[in-house]
């Protein structure tokens, strides 16, 4: 089996031939060789033969970002939308179908995942990944003892099953303190084996708070302990936007601020998160008929000012987030307001 360094060398040799050969048949054969060595799109990013503006490098970057996003649970609209640039005839078309198959697999849309897998051919190196994912979806891959891989990886964790039932019971019984205790146990246990599951349960919890009078600060505290303030605010914003768009906008602004401070937001991810902050603001104002409360506007203006300062300290040049500029001078010495309803209590510190 070739090492990664050997594949990189073989890929660059084939790429050299592809770029500097004018004969169509030789170019086609060289491109096939490049594809055969491409065990990951990022290999092309390290190839010195490609300029920064070459279409192959652009597509390699798109697929590298998308593949990383679907496998670490941090997908964004911009990353997935960029896949549209990869069209028929592209060297990366099989990778595009694999990324989309993985996306739909994690969303529980098995038929869509299988449809994309069916559009991949049997050439290496993606053949093994394709067959493995198909086996998981269809439950057909057998091990020496005759049990399917599907059955092996879908054995429920008894502890999580028990905690899930307790979560449901305490929520239905409106036992708030017990609910937070069980949720903390569940998230801590799930993080050991399936962090994505833990984050989905955190989002589910925020969704449930639309129907409960439970203290929202409790779930924020739990998620902060597990993942830090930035991720806690991100999950809170996504989980509450459907029922408290004003609070969600403020939470998302806090996510961007703390993402900068913690170093988890840089360049492309920062720009995407920053753009979404403006979209959260638009949703909040639209759902309030274009008229938000003065208290909310005060809080938003303070967060916008804090974010502008954080960006300036790090040398980022991004357009300022919109706020009522006429109100800002009177807010310079005003602390962030305490809660009078909704989620404003989450911004008192």
Protein backbone atom coordinates (compact mmCIF):
# COMPACT_ATOMS: atom_id res chain seq x y z
CA UNK A 1 0.00 0.00 0.00
CA UNK A 2 1.32 3.42 -0.95
CA UNK A 3 2.08 5.94 1.76
CA UNK A 4 0.53 9.39 1.62
CA UNK A 5 3.90 10.84 0.56
CA UNK A 6 4.14 8.34 -2.31
CA UNK A 7 0.64 9.19 -3.46
CA UNK A 8 1.46 12.90 -3.31
CA UNK A 9 4.53 12.34 -5.51
CA UNK A 10 2.58 10.20 -8.00
CA UNK A 11 -0.24 12.73 -8.08
CA UNK A 12 2.14 15.62 -8.80
CA UNK A 13 3.87 13.66 -11.58
CA UNK A 14 0.51 12.91 -13.25
CA UNK A 15 -0.61 16.50 -12.73
CA UNK A 16 2.58 17.75 -14.39
CA UNK A 17 1.83 15.61 -17.43
CA UNK A 18 -1.80 16.76 -17.52
CA UNK A 19 -0.90 20.43 -17.39
CA UNK A 20 1.94 20.41 -19.90
CA UNK A 21 0.78 17.82 -22.46
CA UNK A 22 -1.25 19.02 -25.42
CA UNK A 23 -2.24 15.60 -26.75
CA UNK A 24 -5.89 14.94 -25.70
CA UNK A 25 -5.51 11.20 -25.04
CA UNK A 26 -2.42 11.70 -22.89
CA UNK A 27 -4.13 14.49 -20.96
CA UNK A 28 -7.17 12.28 -20.34
CA UNK A 29 -4.98 9.42 -19.14
CA UNK A 30 -2.98 11.75 -16.88
CA UNK A 31 -6.18 13.10 -15.32
CA UNK A 32 -7.33 9.56 -14.58
CA UNK A 33 -4.02 8.92 -12.84
CA UNK A 34 -4.48 12.08 -10.78
CA UNK A 35 -7.93 10.89 -9.76
CA UNK A 36 -6.60 7.45 -8.80
CA UNK A 37 -4.07 9.00 -6.40
CA UNK A 38 -6.52 11.49 -4.90
CA UNK A 39 -7.26 9.84 -1.55
CA UNK A 40 -8.25 13.27 -0.23
CA UNK A 41 -8.98 16.53 -2.09
CA UNK A 42 -6.46 18.43 0.02
CA UNK A 43 -3.58 16.64 -1.74
CA UNK A 44 -4.13 18.90 -4.74
CA UNK A 45 -3.87 21.97 -2.51
CA UNK A 46 -0.26 21.03 -1.78
CA UNK A 47 0.64 20.54 -5.46
CA UNK A 48 3.04 23.33 -6.55
CA UNK A 49 1.97 22.95 -10.20
CA UNK A 50 -1.37 24.65 -9.54
CA UNK A 51 -1.64 28.41 -9.22
CA UNK A 52 -3.91 29.90 -6.58
CA UNK A 53 -6.51 30.74 -9.26
CA UNK A 54 -6.48 27.42 -11.13
CA UNK A 55 -9.98 25.83 -11.36
CA UNK A 56 -8.68 22.49 -10.04
CA UNK A 57 -7.30 24.20 -6.94
CA UNK A 58 -10.59 26.05 -6.42
CA UNK A 59 -12.58 22.81 -6.62
CA UNK A 60 -10.09 21.03 -4.36
CA UNK A 61 -10.61 23.74 -1.73
CA UNK A 62 -14.41 23.50 -2.05
CA UNK A 63 -14.38 19.73 -1.58
CA UNK A 64 -11.83 19.83 1.25
CA UNK A 65 -13.99 22.29 3.19
CA UNK A 66 -17.21 20.38 2.45
CA UNK A 67 -15.78 16.96 3.35
CA UNK A 68 -14.43 18.31 6.64
CA UNK A 69 -17.75 20.01 7.38
CA UNK A 70 -19.95 16.93 6.90
CA UNK A 71 -17.64 14.73 8.94
CA UNK A 72 -17.27 17.05 11.93
CA UNK A 73 -20.87 18.28 12.15
CA UNK A 74 -20.02 21.93 11.38
CA UNK A 75 -21.78 22.41 8.05
CA UNK A 76 -22.64 25.91 6.90
CA UNK A 77 -24.86 27.05 4.07
CA UNK A 78 -21.92 28.70 2.28
CA UNK A 79 -19.76 25.56 2.35
CA UNK A 80 -22.52 23.32 1.01
CA UNK A 81 -23.75 25.86 -1.53
CA UNK A 82 -20.25 26.10 -3.02
CA UNK A 83 -20.61 22.47 -4.16
CA UNK A 84 -22.77 23.75 -7.01
CA UNK A 85 -19.55 24.94 -8.68
CA UNK A 86 -18.52 21.29 -9.11
CA UNK A 87 -20.33 20.17 -12.27
CA UNK A 88 -20.46 17.23 -14.66
CA UNK A 89 -17.05 16.19 -15.95
CA UNK A 90 -15.24 17.52 -12.90
CA UNK A 91 -12.39 15.54 -11.41
CA UNK A 92 -14.15 15.99 -8.06
CA UNK A 93 -17.65 14.91 -9.08
CA UNK A 94 -17.36 11.54 -7.21
CA UNK A 95 -16.21 13.43 -4.11
CA UNK A 96 -19.19 15.77 -4.43
CA UNK A 97 -21.58 12.80 -4.45
CA UNK A 98 -19.78 11.27 -1.44
CA UNK A 99 -20.06 14.51 0.53
CA UNK A 100 -23.77 14.81 -0.27
CA UNK A 101 -24.31 11.13 0.59
CA UNK A 102 -22.67 11.68 4.00
CA UNK A 103 -24.74 14.83 4.52
CA UNK A 104 -28.01 12.99 3.91
CA UNK A 105 -26.82 9.97 5.91
CA UNK A 106 -26.33 12.12 9.03
CA UNK A 107 -29.70 13.78 8.38
CA UNK A 108 -31.36 10.35 8.39
CA UNK A 109 -32.40 10.62 4.72
CA UNK A 110 -31.17 7.20 3.61
CA UNK A 111 -32.82 7.19 0.18
CA UNK A 112 -31.17 10.48 -0.79
CA UNK A 113 -27.82 9.20 0.49
CA UNK A 114 -28.12 6.00 -1.57
CA UNK A 115 -29.08 8.00 -4.65
CA UNK A 116 -25.85 9.96 -4.49
CA UNK A 117 -23.80 6.83 -3.80
CA UNK A 118 -25.36 5.27 -6.90
CA UNK A 119 -23.95 8.10 -9.02
CA UNK A 120 -20.37 7.22 -8.02
CA UNK A 121 -18.40 4.75 -10.15
CA UNK A 122 -16.34 1.79 -8.93
CA UNK A 123 -12.92 3.36 -9.40
CA UNK A 124 -10.55 3.75 -6.47
CA UNK A 125 -9.95 5.39 -4.10
CA UNK A 126 -13.59 6.21 -3.24
CA UNK A 127 -14.89 2.74 -4.07
CA UNK A 128 -14.14 1.41 -0.57
CA UNK A 129 -15.83 4.38 1.12
CA UNK A 130 -18.84 4.06 -1.15
CA UNK A 131 -19.27 0.33 -0.46
CA UNK A 132 -18.84 0.79 3.29
CA UNK A 133 -21.50 3.51 3.46
CA UNK A 134 -23.85 1.50 1.26
CA UNK A 135 -23.38 -1.47 3.58
CA UNK A 136 -24.24 0.64 6.61
CA UNK A 137 -27.36 2.01 4.91
CA UNK A 138 -28.54 -1.34 3.58
CA UNK A 139 -27.32 -3.48 6.49
CA UNK A 140 -25.71 -5.98 4.13
CA UNK A 141 -22.02 -6.07 5.11
CA UNK A 142 -21.27 -9.31 6.95
CA UNK A 143 -18.48 -10.02 9.41
CA UNK A 144 -17.05 -13.53 10.06
CA UNK A 145 -19.72 -14.29 12.69
CA UNK A 146 -22.56 -13.49 10.31
CA UNK A 147 -23.82 -10.31 11.99
CA UNK A 148 -24.27 -7.19 9.89
CA UNK A 149 -22.12 -4.14 10.38
CA UNK A 150 -25.33 -2.14 10.52
CA UNK A 151 -26.49 -4.09 13.56
CA UNK A 152 -23.10 -3.76 15.23
CA UNK A 153 -22.87 -0.01 15.03
CA UNK A 154 -26.50 0.61 15.94
CA UNK A 155 -26.45 -1.19 19.29
CA UNK A 156 -28.17 1.27 21.66
CA UNK A 157 -26.22 2.44 24.68
CA UNK A 158 -28.22 1.20 27.72
CA UNK A 159 -27.19 4.23 29.81
CA UNK A 160 -28.31 6.69 27.14
CA UNK A 161 -31.57 4.80 26.60
CA UNK A 162 -32.32 5.04 30.32
CA UNK A 163 -31.39 8.74 30.48
CA UNK A 164 -33.52 9.46 27.40
CA UNK A 165 -36.56 8.01 29.11
CA UNK A 166 -35.81 10.00 32.25
CA UNK A 167 -35.49 13.18 30.19
CA UNK A 168 -38.89 12.59 28.63
CA UNK A 169 -40.54 11.77 31.97
CA UNK A 170 -39.12 14.79 33.81
CA UNK A 171 -40.02 17.13 30.94
CA UNK A 172 -43.60 15.88 30.76
CA UNK A 173 -43.88 16.06 34.55
CA UNK A 174 -42.49 19.62 34.55
CA UNK A 175 -39.86 18.60 37.10
CA UNK A 176 -37.41 21.35 36.22
CA UNK A 177 -34.55 20.70 38.66
CA UNK A 178 -34.60 16.97 37.97
CA UNK A 179 -34.72 17.64 34.21
CA UNK A 180 -31.55 19.75 34.34
CA UNK A 181 -29.81 17.13 36.44
CA UNK A 182 -30.69 14.32 34.01
CA UNK A 183 -29.80 16.48 31.01
CA UNK A 184 -26.35 17.16 32.48
CA UNK A 185 -25.80 13.41 32.97
CA UNK A 186 -26.99 12.69 29.43
CA UNK A 187 -24.80 15.30 27.75
CA UNK A 188 -21.75 14.24 29.73
CA UNK A 189 -22.29 10.56 28.86
CA UNK A 190 -23.08 11.24 25.20
CA UNK A 191 -19.96 13.39 24.76
CA UNK A 192 -17.83 10.36 25.55
CA UNK A 193 -19.17 8.35 22.59
CA UNK A 194 -21.08 10.66 20.26
CA UNK A 195 -20.53 14.40 20.63
CA UNK A 196 -22.78 15.13 17.65
CA UNK A 197 -25.64 13.37 19.43
CA UNK A 198 -24.97 15.45 22.54
CA UNK A 199 -25.19 18.67 20.54
CA UNK A 200 -28.40 17.53 18.85
CA UNK A 201 -29.94 16.89 22.27
CA UNK A 202 -28.84 20.36 23.36
CA UNK A 203 -30.64 21.79 20.31
CA UNK A 204 -33.69 19.66 21.13
CA UNK A 205 -33.67 21.08 24.65
CA UNK A 206 -33.70 24.64 23.35
CA UNK A 207 -36.63 23.71 21.09
CA UNK A 208 -38.55 22.32 24.08
CA UNK A 209 -38.17 25.56 26.00
CA UNK A 210 -40.76 27.13 23.71
CA UNK A 211 -43.37 25.14 25.64
CA UNK A 212 -41.81 25.22 29.12
CA UNK A 213 -41.18 27.95 31.68
CA UNK A 214 -37.82 26.40 32.61
CA UNK A 215 -34.82 28.64 33.27
CA UNK A 216 -32.96 29.07 29.99
CA UNK A 217 -29.72 29.96 31.76
CA UNK A 218 -29.43 26.36 32.99
CA UNK A 219 -28.97 24.82 29.53
CA UNK A 220 -26.58 27.63 28.61
CA UNK A 221 -24.50 26.84 31.68
CA UNK A 222 -24.45 23.10 30.92
CA UNK A 223 -23.38 23.56 27.31
CA UNK A 224 -20.77 26.17 28.28
CA UNK A 225 -19.16 23.70 30.67
CA UNK A 226 -18.93 21.11 27.89
CA UNK A 227 -17.99 23.16 24.83
CA UNK A 228 -17.14 26.71 25.88
CA UNK A 229 -19.11 29.94 25.61
CA UNK A 230 -18.93 30.36 21.83
CA UNK A 231 -20.40 26.94 21.03
CA UNK A 232 -22.97 27.29 23.82
CA UNK A 233 -24.22 30.55 22.32
CA UNK A 234 -24.23 29.05 18.81
CA UNK A 235 -26.40 26.11 19.88
CA UNK A 236 -28.68 28.42 21.85
CA UNK A 237 -29.23 30.71 18.87
CA UNK A 238 -29.96 27.85 16.47
CA UNK A 239 -32.25 26.11 18.95
CA UNK A 240 -34.33 29.15 19.86
CA UNK A 241 -34.61 31.11 16.61
CA UNK A 242 -37.96 29.51 15.71
CA UNK A 243 -39.67 30.79 18.87
CA UNK A 244 -37.61 33.76 20.06
CA UNK A 245 -36.00 35.41 17.06
CA UNK A 246 -34.98 38.51 19.04
CA UNK A 247 -33.18 36.47 21.69
CA UNK A 248 -31.60 34.26 19.03
CA UNK A 249 -30.13 37.28 17.24
CA UNK A 250 -28.47 38.43 20.45
CA UNK A 251 -27.21 34.93 21.16
CA UNK A 252 -25.69 34.67 17.68
CA UNK A 253 -23.92 38.01 18.14
CA UNK A 254 -22.46 36.68 21.40
CA UNK A 255 -21.37 33.52 19.57
CA UNK A 256 -19.39 35.58 17.04
CA UNK A 257 -17.80 37.70 19.79
CA UNK A 258 -16.71 34.70 21.85
CA UNK A 259 -15.71 32.75 18.74
CA UNK A 260 -13.21 35.54 18.03
CA UNK A 261 -11.98 35.58 21.62
CA UNK A 262 -11.58 31.79 21.77
CA UNK A 263 -9.97 31.60 18.32
CA UNK A 264 -12.60 29.25 16.89
CA UNK A 265 -13.68 31.70 14.17
CA UNK A 266 -11.16 32.69 11.53
CA UNK A 267 -11.37 33.99 7.95
CA UNK A 268 -14.06 32.04 6.04
CA UNK A 269 -15.89 30.73 9.11
CA UNK A 270 -15.83 34.21 10.61
CA UNK A 271 -17.24 35.81 7.47
CA UNK A 272 -20.02 33.21 7.28
CA UNK A 273 -20.93 33.65 10.95
CA UNK A 274 -20.79 37.44 10.62
CA UNK A 275 -23.10 37.39 7.59
CA UNK A 276 -25.53 35.20 9.50
CA UNK A 277 -25.55 37.74 12.34
CA UNK A 278 -27.10 40.24 9.94
CA UNK A 279 -29.63 37.63 8.81
CA UNK A 280 -30.58 36.87 12.43
CA UNK A 281 -31.17 40.60 12.87
CA UNK A 282 -33.42 40.75 9.81
CA UNK A 283 -35.48 37.78 11.01
CA UNK A 284 -35.89 39.34 14.46
CA UNK A 285 -37.14 42.61 13.04
CA UNK A 286 -39.38 40.96 10.45
CA UNK A 287 -41.09 38.79 13.07
CA UNK A 288 -41.68 41.87 15.20
CA UNK A 289 -43.26 43.72 12.29
CA UNK A 290 -40.16 45.87 11.83
CA UNK A 291 -40.44 47.32 15.34
CA UNK A 292 -38.28 45.84 18.11
CA UNK A 293 -38.28 47.17 21.67
CA UNK A 294 -35.92 49.95 22.71
CA UNK A 295 -34.40 47.64 25.33
CA UNK A 296 -33.62 45.04 22.69
CA UNK A 297 -32.17 47.71 20.38
CA UNK A 298 -29.95 48.93 23.23
CA UNK A 299 -28.63 45.42 23.81
CA UNK A 300 -28.08 44.79 20.10
CA UNK A 301 -26.22 48.12 19.71
CA UNK A 302 -23.91 47.27 22.61
CA UNK A 303 -23.15 43.84 21.16
CA UNK A 304 -22.57 45.35 17.71
CA UNK A 305 -20.12 47.83 19.24
CA UNK A 306 -18.32 45.06 21.17
CA UNK A 307 -18.06 42.96 18.03
CA UNK A 308 -16.68 45.88 16.03
CA UNK A 309 -13.99 46.35 18.70
CA UNK A 310 -13.05 42.65 18.66
CA UNK A 311 -12.75 42.72 14.86
CA UNK A 312 -10.65 45.88 14.89
CA UNK A 313 -8.27 44.42 17.49
CA UNK A 314 -7.61 41.49 15.16
CA UNK A 315 -7.32 43.51 11.98
CA UNK A 316 -10.52 42.28 10.33
CA UNK A 317 -12.27 44.74 8.03
CA UNK A 318 -15.96 43.90 7.81
CA UNK A 319 -18.93 46.24 7.34
CA UNK A 320 -20.53 47.23 10.66
CA UNK A 321 -23.67 45.43 11.70
CA UNK A 322 -26.77 47.65 11.37
CA UNK A 323 -28.22 49.24 14.48
CA UNK A 324 -29.95 52.48 15.37
CA UNK A 325 -26.92 54.73 15.20
CA UNK A 326 -28.76 57.66 16.77
CA UNK A 327 -29.15 55.69 20.00
CA UNK A 328 -25.54 54.61 20.33
CA UNK A 329 -23.98 57.75 21.91
CA UNK A 330 -26.36 57.53 24.88
CA UNK A 331 -25.46 53.88 25.40
CA UNK A 332 -21.70 54.20 25.77
CA UNK A 333 -21.82 54.09 29.59
CA UNK A 334 -24.96 51.97 29.94
CA UNK A 335 -24.57 48.32 31.11
CA UNK A 336 -26.34 45.61 29.17
CA UNK A 337 -29.95 45.60 30.41
CA UNK A 338 -31.22 42.94 32.78
CA UNK A 339 -34.11 40.72 31.76
CA UNK A 340 -37.67 41.94 31.45
CA UNK A 341 -38.83 39.02 29.38
CA UNK A 342 -37.57 36.65 26.69
CA UNK A 343 -33.87 35.80 26.74
CA UNK A 344 -32.35 39.17 27.68
CA UNK A 345 -31.24 37.78 31.04
CA UNK A 346 -28.61 35.77 29.19
CA UNK A 347 -26.76 38.99 28.34
CA UNK A 348 -26.46 40.53 31.78
CA UNK A 349 -22.83 39.47 32.15
